[in-house]
Amino acid sequence: RISGAMVNSLVTATLQGLGIHVVDLGLSTTPTVEVMVPELNADG
């Protein structure tokens, strides 16, 4: 989406502001993100 990069910047910076580590896949798909969360032992 046209707004994706802007929203992504807000989300990732906010998570960092909470002290949460971020793995940014960039352009992706819903199922790819779902697969990558357990693949990377992430918390969500």
PDB file of all heavy atoms in Angstrom:
ATOM      1  N   ARG A   1       0.818  -1.217   0.000  1.00  0.00           N
ATOM      2  CA  ARG A   1       0.000   0.000   0.000  1.00  0.00           C
ATOM      3  C   ARG A   1       0.848   1.261   0.000  1.00  0.00           C
ATOM      4  O   ARG A   1       1.933   1.293   0.577  1.00  0.00           O
ATOM      5  CB  ARG A   1      -0.892   0.033   1.249  1.00  0.00           C
ATOM      6  CG  ARG A   1      -2.029  -0.880   1.146  1.00  0.00           C
ATOM      7  CD  ARG A   1      -2.786  -1.078   2.433  1.00  0.00           C
ATOM      8  NE  ARG A   1      -3.652  -2.192   2.128  1.00  0.00           N
ATOM      9  CZ  ARG A   1      -4.828  -2.066   1.512  1.00  0.00           C
ATOM     10  NH1 ARG A   1      -5.302  -0.870   1.242  1.00  0.00           N
ATOM     11  NH2 ARG A   1      -5.527  -3.123   1.186  1.00  0.00           N
ATOM     12  N   ILE A   2       0.299   2.321  -0.595  1.00  0.00           N
ATOM     13  CA  ILE A   2       1.005   3.603  -0.691  1.00  0.00           C
ATOM     14  C   ILE A   2       1.403   4.101   0.697  1.00  0.00           C
ATOM     15  O   ILE A   2       2.481   4.671   0.892  1.00  0.00           O
ATOM     16  CB  ILE A   2       0.112   4.642  -1.404  1.00  0.00           C
ATOM     17  CG1 ILE A   2      -0.214   4.170  -2.828  1.00  0.00           C
ATOM     18  CG2 ILE A   2       0.777   6.009  -1.429  1.00  0.00           C
ATOM     19  CD1 ILE A   2      -1.364   4.905  -3.480  1.00  0.00           C
ATOM     20  N   SER A   3       0.546   3.879   1.690  1.00  0.00           N
ATOM     21  CA  SER A   3       0.817   4.365   3.053  1.00  0.00           C
ATOM     22  C   SER A   3       1.709   3.420   3.847  1.00  0.00           C
ATOM     23  O   SER A   3       2.079   3.712   4.984  1.00  0.00           O
ATOM     24  CB  SER A   3      -0.499   4.542   3.815  1.00  0.00           C
ATOM     25  OG  SER A   3      -1.180   3.290   3.919  1.00  0.00           O
ATOM     26  N   GLY A   4       2.081   2.278   3.259  1.00  0.00           N
ATOM     27  CA  GLY A   4       2.770   1.228   4.016  1.00  0.00           C
ATOM     28  C   GLY A   4       4.078   1.655   4.638  1.00  0.00           C
ATOM     29  O   GLY A   4       4.345   1.360   5.810  1.00  0.00           O
ATOM     30  N   ALA A   5       4.917   2.340   3.871  1.00  0.00           N
ATOM     31  CA  ALA A   5       6.238   2.730   4.390  1.00  0.00           C
ATOM     32  C   ALA A   5       6.091   3.701   5.562  1.00  0.00           C
ATOM     33  O   ALA A   5       6.805   3.603   6.566  1.00  0.00           O
ATOM     34  CB  ALA A   5       7.070   3.354   3.268  1.00  0.00           C
ATOM     35  N   MET A   6       5.153   4.641   5.438  1.00  0.00           N
ATOM     36  CA  MET A   6       4.926   5.614   6.514  1.00  0.00           C
ATOM     37  C   MET A   6       4.431   4.919   7.778  1.00  0.00           C
ATOM     38  O   MET A   6       4.957   5.147   8.885  1.00  0.00           O
ATOM     39  CB  MET A   6       3.919   6.668   6.041  1.00  0.00           C
ATOM     40  CG  MET A   6       3.631   7.778   7.045  1.00  0.00           C
ATOM     41  SD  MET A   6       2.199   7.445   8.117  1.00  0.00           S
ATOM     42  CE  MET A   6       0.844   7.571   6.958  1.00  0.00           C
ATOM     43  N   VAL A   7       3.440   4.058   7.641  1.00  0.00           N
ATOM     44  CA  VAL A   7       2.892   3.344   8.806  1.00  0.00           C
ATOM     45  C   VAL A   7       3.958   2.439   9.415  1.00  0.00           C
ATOM     46  O   VAL A   7       4.102   2.343  10.639  1.00  0.00           O
ATOM     47  CB  VAL A   7       1.635   2.548   8.408  1.00  0.00           C
ATOM     48  CG1 VAL A   7       1.150   1.695   9.575  1.00  0.00           C
ATOM     49  CG2 VAL A   7       0.520   3.491   7.949  1.00  0.00           C
ATOM     50  N   ASN A   8       4.752   1.795   8.549  1.00  0.00           N
ATOM     51  CA  ASN A   8       5.821   0.914   9.024  1.00  0.00           C
ATOM     52  C   ASN A   8       6.830   1.675   9.881  1.00  0.00           C
ATOM     53  O   ASN A   8       7.268   1.187  10.933  1.00  0.00           O
ATOM     54  CB  ASN A   8       6.521   0.281   7.822  1.00  0.00           C
ATOM     55  CG  ASN A   8       7.585  -0.709   8.217  1.00  0.00           C
ATOM     56  OD1 ASN A   8       7.291  -1.833   8.594  1.00  0.00           O
ATOM     57  ND2 ASN A   8       8.839  -0.297   8.139  1.00  0.00           N
ATOM     58  N   SER A   9       7.191   2.888   9.449  1.00  0.00           N
ATOM     59  CA  SER A   9       8.146   3.698  10.228  1.00  0.00           C
ATOM     60  C   SER A   9       7.591   4.008  11.613  1.00  0.00           C
ATOM     61  O   SER A   9       8.316   3.935  12.621  1.00  0.00           O
ATOM     62  CB  SER A   9       8.444   5.008   9.491  1.00  0.00           C
ATOM     63  OG  SER A   9       9.056   4.759   8.254  1.00  0.00           O
ATOM     64  N   LEU A  10       6.320   4.364  11.676  1.00  0.00           N
ATOM     65  CA  LEU A  10       5.685   4.682  12.958  1.00  0.00           C
ATOM     66  C   LEU A  10       5.658   3.466  13.875  1.00  0.00           C
ATOM     67  O   LEU A  10       5.969   3.551  15.075  1.00  0.00           O
ATOM     68  CB  LEU A  10       4.258   5.183  12.724  1.00  0.00           C
ATOM     69  CG  LEU A  10       4.106   6.542  12.035  1.00  0.00           C
ATOM     70  CD1 LEU A  10       2.681   6.724  11.539  1.00  0.00           C
ATOM     71  CD2 LEU A  10       4.491   7.670  12.985  1.00  0.00           C
ATOM     72  N   VAL A  11       5.282   2.307  13.316  1.00  0.00           N
ATOM     73  CA  VAL A  11       5.147   1.087  14.119  1.00  0.00           C
ATOM     74  C   VAL A  11       6.493   0.625  14.651  1.00  0.00           C
ATOM     75  O   VAL A  11       6.645   0.340  15.848  1.00  0.00           O
ATOM     76  CB  VAL A  11       4.472  -0.026  13.280  1.00  0.00           C
ATOM     77  CG1 VAL A  11       4.605  -1.389  13.961  1.00  0.00           C
ATOM     78  CG2 VAL A  11       3.000   0.295  13.044  1.00  0.00           C
ATOM     79  N   THR A  12       7.486   0.551  13.773  1.00  0.00           N
ATOM     80  CA  THR A  12       8.783   0.028  14.213  1.00  0.00           C
ATOM     81  C   THR A  12       9.450   0.965  15.217  1.00  0.00           C
ATOM     82  O   THR A  12      10.032   0.501  16.217  1.00  0.00           O
ATOM     83  CB  THR A  12       9.711  -0.217  13.003  1.00  0.00           C
ATOM     84  OG1 THR A  12       9.829   0.975  12.224  1.00  0.00           O
ATOM     85  CG2 THR A  12       9.159  -1.331  12.120  1.00  0.00           C
ATOM     86  N   ALA A  13       9.353   2.265  14.996  1.00  0.00           N
ATOM     87  CA  ALA A  13       9.961   3.217  15.946  1.00  0.00           C
ATOM     88  C   ALA A  13       9.248   3.179  17.294  1.00  0.00           C
ATOM     89  O   ALA A  13       9.894   3.285  18.351  1.00  0.00           O
ATOM     90  CB  ALA A  13       9.921   4.623  15.356  1.00  0.00           C
ATOM     91  N   THR A  14       7.931   3.023  17.286  1.00  0.00           N
ATOM     92  CA  THR A  14       7.178   2.951  18.551  1.00  0.00           C
ATOM     93  C   THR A  14       7.572   1.713  19.343  1.00  0.00           C
ATOM     94  O   THR A  14       7.768   1.781  20.568  1.00  0.00           O
ATOM     95  CB  THR A  14       5.663   2.933  18.264  1.00  0.00           C
ATOM     96  OG1 THR A  14       5.308   4.113  17.559  1.00  0.00           O
ATOM     97  CG2 THR A  14       4.863   2.862  19.558  1.00  0.00           C
ATOM     98  N   LEU A  15       7.711   0.572  18.652  1.00  0.00           N
ATOM     99  CA  LEU A  15       8.133  -0.656  19.347  1.00  0.00           C
ATOM    100  C   LEU A  15       9.528  -0.486  19.939  1.00  0.00           C
ATOM    101  O   LEU A  15       9.772  -0.888  21.091  1.00  0.00           O
ATOM    102  CB  LEU A  15       8.109  -1.837  18.377  1.00  0.00           C
ATOM    103  CG  LEU A  15       6.721  -2.271  17.876  1.00  0.00           C
ATOM    104  CD1 LEU A  15       6.843  -3.323  16.780  1.00  0.00           C
ATOM    105  CD2 LEU A  15       5.857  -2.806  19.028  1.00  0.00           C
ATOM    106  N   GLN A  16      10.430   0.132  19.182  1.00  0.00           N
ATOM    107  CA  GLN A  16      11.769   0.397  19.721  1.00  0.00           C
ATOM    108  C   GLN A  16      11.680   1.299  20.952  1.00  0.00           C
ATOM    109  O   GLN A  16      12.414   1.115  21.927  1.00  0.00           O
ATOM    110  CB  GLN A  16      12.643   1.070  18.664  1.00  0.00           C
ATOM    111  CG  GLN A  16      13.121   0.160  17.556  1.00  0.00           C
ATOM    112  CD  GLN A  16      13.977   0.923  16.576  1.00  0.00           C
ATOM    113  OE1 GLN A  16      13.466   1.490  15.624  1.00  0.00           O
ATOM    114  NE2 GLN A  16      15.283   0.965  16.825  1.00  0.00           N
ATOM    115  N   GLY A  17      10.763   2.258  20.892  1.00  0.00           N
ATOM    116  CA  GLY A  17      10.579   3.169  22.022  1.00  0.00           C
ATOM    117  C   GLY A  17      10.109   2.465  23.282  1.00  0.00           C
ATOM    118  O   GLY A  17      10.346   2.931  24.392  1.00  0.00           O
ATOM    119  N   LEU A  18       9.460   1.317  23.112  1.00  0.00           N
ATOM    120  CA  LEU A  18       9.042   0.504  24.256  1.00  0.00           C
ATOM    121  C   LEU A  18      10.152  -0.420  24.738  1.00  0.00           C
ATOM    122  O   LEU A  18       9.992  -1.121  25.747  1.00  0.00           O
ATOM    123  CB  LEU A  18       7.817  -0.347  23.875  1.00  0.00           C
ATOM    124  CG  LEU A  18       6.480   0.383  23.736  1.00  0.00           C
ATOM    125  CD1 LEU A  18       5.478  -0.496  23.015  1.00  0.00           C
ATOM    126  CD2 LEU A  18       5.937   0.816  25.096  1.00  0.00           C
ATOM    127  N   GLY A  19      11.254  -0.463  23.997  1.00  0.00           N
ATOM    128  CA  GLY A  19      12.349  -1.375  24.349  1.00  0.00           C
ATOM    129  C   GLY A  19      12.223  -2.730  23.681  1.00  0.00           C
ATOM    130  O   GLY A  19      12.892  -3.694  24.073  1.00  0.00           O
ATOM    131  N   ILE A  20      11.383  -2.835  22.658  1.00  0.00           N
ATOM    132  CA  ILE A  20      11.162  -4.098  21.958  1.00  0.00           C
ATOM    133  C   ILE A  20      12.037  -4.155  20.710  1.00  0.00           C
ATOM    134  O   ILE A  20      12.119  -3.182  19.952  1.00  0.00           O
ATOM    135  CB  ILE A  20       9.665  -4.249  21.572  1.00  0.00           C
ATOM    136  CG1 ILE A  20       8.816  -4.365  22.838  1.00  0.00           C
ATOM    137  CG2 ILE A  20       9.441  -5.439  20.655  1.00  0.00           C
ATOM    138  CD1 ILE A  20       7.316  -4.304  22.590  1.00  0.00           C
ATOM    139  N   HIS A  21      12.690  -5.297  20.495  1.00  0.00           N
ATOM    140  CA  HIS A  21      13.507  -5.483  19.297  1.00  0.00           C
ATOM    141  C   HIS A  21      12.588  -5.760  18.109  1.00  0.00           C
ATOM    142  O   HIS A  21      11.609  -6.503  18.227  1.00  0.00           O
ATOM    143  CB  HIS A  21      14.487  -6.638  19.479  1.00  0.00           C
ATOM    144  CG  HIS A  21      15.394  -6.470  20.655  1.00  0.00           C
ATOM    145  ND1 HIS A  21      15.944  -5.245  21.015  1.00  0.00           N
ATOM    146  CD2 HIS A  21      15.861  -7.354  21.580  1.00  0.00           C
ATOM    147  CE1 HIS A  21      16.698  -5.394  22.084  1.00  0.00           C
ATOM    148  NE2 HIS A  21      16.654  -6.657  22.457  1.00  0.00           N
ATOM    149  N   VAL A  22      12.937  -5.205  16.965  1.00  0.00           N
ATOM    150  CA  VAL A  22      12.102  -5.312  15.770  1.00  0.00           C
ATOM    151  C   VAL A  22      12.858  -6.009  14.650  1.00  0.00           C
ATOM    152  O   VAL A  22      14.003  -5.665  14.356  1.00  0.00           O
ATOM    153  CB  VAL A  22      11.659  -3.908  15.285  1.00  0.00           C
ATOM    154  CG1 VAL A  22      10.838  -4.030  13.994  1.00  0.00           C
ATOM    155  CG2 VAL A  22      10.874  -3.185  16.356  1.00  0.00           C
ATOM    156  N   VAL A  23      12.205  -7.009  14.049  1.00  0.00           N
ATOM    157  CA  VAL A  23      12.703  -7.605  12.813  1.00  0.00           C
ATOM    158  C   VAL A  23      11.742  -7.178  11.712  1.00  0.00           C
ATOM    159  O   VAL A  23      10.578  -7.579  11.695  1.00  0.00           O
ATOM    160  CB  VAL A  23      12.764  -9.143  12.887  1.00  0.00           C
ATOM    161  CG1 VAL A  23      13.269  -9.711  11.569  1.00  0.00           C
ATOM    162  CG2 VAL A  23      13.647  -9.591  14.043  1.00  0.00           C
ATOM    163  N   ASP A  24      12.235  -6.342  10.801  1.00  0.00           N
ATOM    164  CA  ASP A  24      11.394  -5.747   9.764  1.00  0.00           C
ATOM    165  C   ASP A  24      11.586  -6.526   8.456  1.00  0.00           C
ATOM    166  O   ASP A  24      12.660  -6.513   7.864  1.00  0.00           O
ATOM    167  CB  ASP A  24      11.787  -4.278   9.580  1.00  0.00           C
ATOM    168  CG  ASP A  24      10.850  -3.526   8.648  1.00  0.00           C
ATOM    169  OD1 ASP A  24       9.982  -4.166   8.027  1.00  0.00           O
ATOM    170  OD2 ASP A  24      11.001  -2.290   8.535  1.00  0.00           O
ATOM    171  N   LEU A  25      10.522  -7.215   8.010  1.00  0.00           N
ATOM    172  CA  LEU A  25      10.583  -7.976   6.769  1.00  0.00           C
ATOM    173  C   LEU A  25      10.359  -7.094   5.547  1.00  0.00           C
ATOM    174  O   LEU A  25      10.525  -7.551   4.413  1.00  0.00           O
ATOM    175  CB  LEU A  25       9.528  -9.089   6.773  1.00  0.00           C
ATOM    176  CG  LEU A  25       9.601 -10.122   7.898  1.00  0.00           C
ATOM    177  CD1 LEU A  25       8.488 -11.136   7.740  1.00  0.00           C
ATOM    178  CD2 LEU A  25      10.955 -10.815   7.927  1.00  0.00           C
ATOM    179  N   GLY A  26       9.944  -5.838   5.774  1.00  0.00           N
ATOM    180  CA  GLY A  26       9.650  -4.952   4.652  1.00  0.00           C
ATOM    181  C   GLY A  26       8.444  -5.456   3.881  1.00  0.00           C
ATOM    182  O   GLY A  26       7.469  -5.933   4.468  1.00  0.00           O
ATOM    183  N   LEU A  27       8.493  -5.373   2.543  1.00  0.00           N
ATOM    184  CA  LEU A  27       7.386  -5.872   1.727  1.00  0.00           C
ATOM    185  C   LEU A  27       7.239  -7.373   1.944  1.00  0.00           C
ATOM    186  O   LEU A  27       8.181  -8.140   1.737  1.00  0.00           O
ATOM    187  CB  LEU A  27       7.651  -5.579   0.248  1.00  0.00           C
ATOM    188  CG  LEU A  27       7.543  -4.110  -0.175  1.00  0.00           C
ATOM    189  CD1 LEU A  27       8.009  -3.942  -1.617  1.00  0.00           C
ATOM    190  CD2 LEU A  27       6.122  -3.588  -0.019  1.00  0.00           C
ATOM    191  N   SER A  28       6.054  -7.790   2.360  1.00  0.00           N
ATOM    192  CA  SER A  28       5.848  -9.186   2.725  1.00  0.00           C
ATOM    193  C   SER A  28       4.396  -9.555   2.442  1.00  0.00           C
ATOM    194  O   SER A  28       3.664  -8.804   1.795  1.00  0.00           O
ATOM    195  CB  SER A  28       6.207  -9.398   4.198  1.00  0.00           C
ATOM    196  OG  SER A  28       6.264 -10.774   4.502  1.00  0.00           O
ATOM    197  N   THR A  29       3.982 -10.712   2.918  1.00  0.00           N
ATOM    198  CA  THR A  29       2.584 -11.124   2.819  1.00  0.00           C
ATOM    199  C   THR A  29       2.098 -11.524   4.201  1.00  0.00           C
ATOM    200  O   THR A  29       2.910 -11.831   5.084  1.00  0.00           O
ATOM    201  CB  THR A  29       2.397 -12.324   1.871  1.00  0.00           C
ATOM    202  OG1 THR A  29       2.878 -13.517   2.517  1.00  0.00           O
ATOM    203  CG2 THR A  29       3.110 -12.116   0.545  1.00  0.00           C
ATOM    204  N   THR A  30       0.789 -11.532   4.389  1.00  0.00           N
ATOM    205  CA  THR A  30       0.250 -11.965   5.684  1.00  0.00           C
ATOM    206  C   THR A  30       0.752 -13.363   6.055  1.00  0.00           C
ATOM    207  O   THR A  30       1.266 -13.562   7.156  1.00  0.00           O
ATOM    208  CB  THR A  30      -1.287 -11.893   5.671  1.00  0.00           C
ATOM    209  OG1 THR A  30      -1.670 -10.507   5.756  1.00  0.00           O
ATOM    210  CG2 THR A  30      -1.909 -12.639   6.827  1.00  0.00           C
ATOM    211  N   PRO A  31       0.638 -14.374   5.163  1.00  0.00           N
ATOM    212  CA  PRO A  31       1.119 -15.698   5.571  1.00  0.00           C
ATOM    213  C   PRO A  31       2.625 -15.757   5.792  1.00  0.00           C
ATOM    214  O   PRO A  31       3.088 -16.525   6.653  1.00  0.00           O
ATOM    215  CB  PRO A  31       0.685 -16.611   4.415  1.00  0.00           C
ATOM    216  CG  PRO A  31       0.400 -15.712   3.265  1.00  0.00           C
ATOM    217  CD  PRO A  31      -0.070 -14.421   3.866  1.00  0.00           C
ATOM    218  N   THR A  32       3.400 -14.944   5.068  1.00  0.00           N
ATOM    219  CA  THR A  32       4.853 -14.959   5.273  1.00  0.00           C
ATOM    220  C   THR A  32       5.213 -14.451   6.664  1.00  0.00           C
ATOM    221  O   THR A  32       6.064 -15.036   7.350  1.00  0.00           O
ATOM    222  CB  THR A  32       5.561 -14.114   4.191  1.00  0.00           C
ATOM    223  OG1 THR A  32       5.203 -14.601   2.901  1.00  0.00           O
ATOM    224  CG2 THR A  32       7.068 -14.167   4.345  1.00  0.00           C
ATOM    225  N   VAL A  33       4.572 -13.379   7.102  1.00  0.00           N
ATOM    226  CA  VAL A  33       4.822 -12.878   8.463  1.00  0.00           C
ATOM    227  C   VAL A  33       4.412 -13.946   9.489  1.00  0.00           C
ATOM    228  O   VAL A  33       5.125 -14.192  10.467  1.00  0.00           O
ATOM    229  CB  VAL A  33       4.067 -11.553   8.719  1.00  0.00           C
ATOM    230  CG1 VAL A  33       4.323 -11.070  10.151  1.00  0.00           C
ATOM    231  CG2 VAL A  33       4.494 -10.479   7.730  1.00  0.00           C
ATOM    232  N   GLU A  34       3.282 -14.601   9.232  1.00  0.00           N
ATOM    233  CA  GLU A  34       2.815 -15.650  10.163  1.00  0.00           C
ATOM    234  C   GLU A  34       3.818 -16.797  10.267  1.00  0.00           C
ATOM    235  O   GLU A  34       4.029 -17.356  11.349  1.00  0.00           O
ATOM    236  CB  GLU A  34       1.455 -16.170   9.686  1.00  0.00           C
ATOM    237  CG  GLU A  34       0.345 -15.143   9.835  1.00  0.00           C
ATOM    238  CD  GLU A  34      -0.972 -15.552   9.199  1.00  0.00           C
ATOM    239  OE1 GLU A  34      -1.001 -16.548   8.433  1.00  0.00           O
ATOM    240  OE2 GLU A  34      -1.976 -14.868   9.442  1.00  0.00           O
ATOM    241  N   VAL A  35       4.441 -17.141   9.147  1.00  0.00           N
ATOM    242  CA  VAL A  35       5.446 -18.206   9.139  1.00  0.00           C
ATOM    243  C   VAL A  35       6.727 -17.756   9.842  1.00  0.00           C
ATOM    244  O   VAL A  35       7.367 -18.534  10.562  1.00  0.00           O
ATOM    245  CB  VAL A  35       5.750 -18.642   7.677  1.00  0.00           C
ATOM    246  CG1 VAL A  35       7.037 -19.462   7.600  1.00  0.00           C
ATOM    247  CG2 VAL A  35       4.577 -19.437   7.107  1.00  0.00           C
ATOM    248  N   MET A  36       7.090 -16.497   9.669  1.00  0.00           N
ATOM    249  CA  MET A  36       8.379 -16.013  10.170  1.00  0.00           C
ATOM    250  C   MET A  36       8.395 -15.763  11.673  1.00  0.00           C
ATOM    251  O   MET A  36       9.464 -15.786  12.293  1.00  0.00           O
ATOM    252  CB  MET A  36       8.788 -14.741   9.422  1.00  0.00           C
ATOM    253  CG  MET A  36       9.182 -14.982   7.960  1.00  0.00           C
ATOM    254  SD  MET A  36      10.622 -16.058   7.772  1.00  0.00           S
ATOM    255  CE  MET A  36      11.940 -14.916   8.240  1.00  0.00           C
ATOM    256  N   VAL A  37       7.226 -15.514  12.284  1.00  0.00           N
ATOM    257  CA  VAL A  37       7.217 -15.268  13.740  1.00  0.00           C
ATOM    258  C   VAL A  37       7.780 -16.473  14.504  1.00  0.00           C
ATOM    259  O   VAL A  37       8.749 -16.338  15.268  1.00  0.00           O
ATOM    260  CB  VAL A  37       5.814 -14.870  14.233  1.00  0.00           C
ATOM    261  CG1 VAL A  37       5.750 -14.896  15.758  1.00  0.00           C
ATOM    262  CG2 VAL A  37       5.441 -13.486  13.726  1.00  0.00           C
ATOM    263  N   PRO A  38       7.232 -17.694  14.334  1.00  0.00           N
ATOM    264  CA  PRO A  38       7.841 -18.832  15.035  1.00  0.00           C
ATOM    265  C   PRO A  38       9.215 -19.211  14.475  1.00  0.00           C
ATOM    266  O   PRO A  38      10.076 -19.689  15.231  1.00  0.00           O
ATOM    267  CB  PRO A  38       6.832 -19.971  14.831  1.00  0.00           C
ATOM    268  CG  PRO A  38       6.013 -19.576  13.653  1.00  0.00           C
ATOM    269  CD  PRO A  38       5.988 -18.081  13.635  1.00  0.00           C
ATOM    270  N   GLU A  39       9.425 -18.992  13.188  1.00  0.00           N
ATOM    271  CA  GLU A  39      10.729 -19.296  12.577  1.00  0.00           C
ATOM    272  C   GLU A  39      11.848 -18.529  13.284  1.00  0.00           C
ATOM    273  O   GLU A  39      12.956 -19.062  13.484  1.00  0.00           O
ATOM    274  CB  GLU A  39      10.696 -18.916  11.085  1.00  0.00           C
ATOM    275  CG  GLU A  39      12.019 -19.015  10.357  1.00  0.00           C
ATOM    276  CD  GLU A  39      12.458 -20.449  10.099  1.00  0.00           C
ATOM    277  OE1 GLU A  39      11.641 -21.384  10.247  1.00  0.00           O
ATOM    278  OE2 GLU A  39      13.644 -20.628   9.743  1.00  0.00           O
ATOM    279  N   LEU A  40      11.567 -17.296  13.695  1.00  0.00           N
ATOM    280  CA  LEU A  40      12.572 -16.453  14.345  1.00  0.00           C
ATOM    281  C   LEU A  40      12.446 -16.451  15.869  1.00  0.00           C
ATOM    282  O   LEU A  40      13.081 -15.647  16.551  1.00  0.00           O
ATOM    283  CB  LEU A  40      12.454 -15.016  13.810  1.00  0.00           C
ATOM    284  CG  LEU A  40      12.669 -14.855  12.294  1.00  0.00           C
ATOM    285  CD1 LEU A  40      12.420 -13.416  11.862  1.00  0.00           C
ATOM    286  CD2 LEU A  40      14.076 -15.293  11.896  1.00  0.00           C
ATOM    287  N   ASN A  41      11.598 -17.354  16.394  1.00  0.00           N
ATOM    288  CA  ASN A  41      11.345 -17.413  17.848  1.00  0.00           C
ATOM    289  C   ASN A  41      10.949 -16.056  18.408  1.00  0.00           C
ATOM    290  O   ASN A  41      11.356 -15.675  19.519  1.00  0.00           O
ATOM    291  CB  ASN A  41      12.586 -17.934  18.598  1.00  0.00           C
ATOM    292  CG  ASN A  41      12.873 -19.385  18.265  1.00  0.00           C
ATOM    293  OD1 ASN A  41      11.956 -20.199  18.229  1.00  0.00           O
ATOM    294  ND2 ASN A  41      14.126 -19.701  18.011  1.00  0.00           N
ATOM    295  N   ALA A  42      10.170 -15.308  17.646  1.00  0.00           N
ATOM    296  CA  ALA A  42       9.729 -13.988  18.090  1.00  0.00           C
ATOM    297  C   ALA A  42       8.552 -14.115  19.054  1.00  0.00           C
ATOM    298  O   ALA A  42       7.955 -15.182  19.198  1.00  0.00           O
ATOM    299  CB  ALA A  42       9.337 -13.136  16.877  1.00  0.00           C
ATOM    300  N   ASP A  43       8.225 -13.016  19.701  1.00  0.00           N
ATOM    301  CA  ASP A  43       7.154 -13.007  20.706  1.00  0.00           C
ATOM    302  C   ASP A  43       5.811 -12.571  20.128  1.00  0.00           C
ATOM    303  O   ASP A  43       4.793 -12.577  20.817  1.00  0.00           O
ATOM    304  CB  ASP A  43       7.548 -12.080  21.860  1.00  0.00           C
ATOM    305  CG  ASP A  43       8.830 -12.541  22.524  1.00  0.00           C
ATOM    306  OD1 ASP A  43       8.781 -13.571  23.213  1.00  0.00           O
ATOM    307  OD2 ASP A  43       9.876 -11.897  22.321  1.00  0.00           O
ATOM    308  N   GLY A  44       5.815 -12.206  18.861  1.00  0.00           N
ATOM    309  CA  GLY A  44       4.579 -11.780  18.215  1.00  0.00           C
ATOM    310  C   GLY A  44       4.910 -11.103  16.907  1.00  0.00           C
ATOM    311  O   GLY A  44       6.068 -11.084  16.455  1.00  0.00           O
TER     312      GLY A  44
END
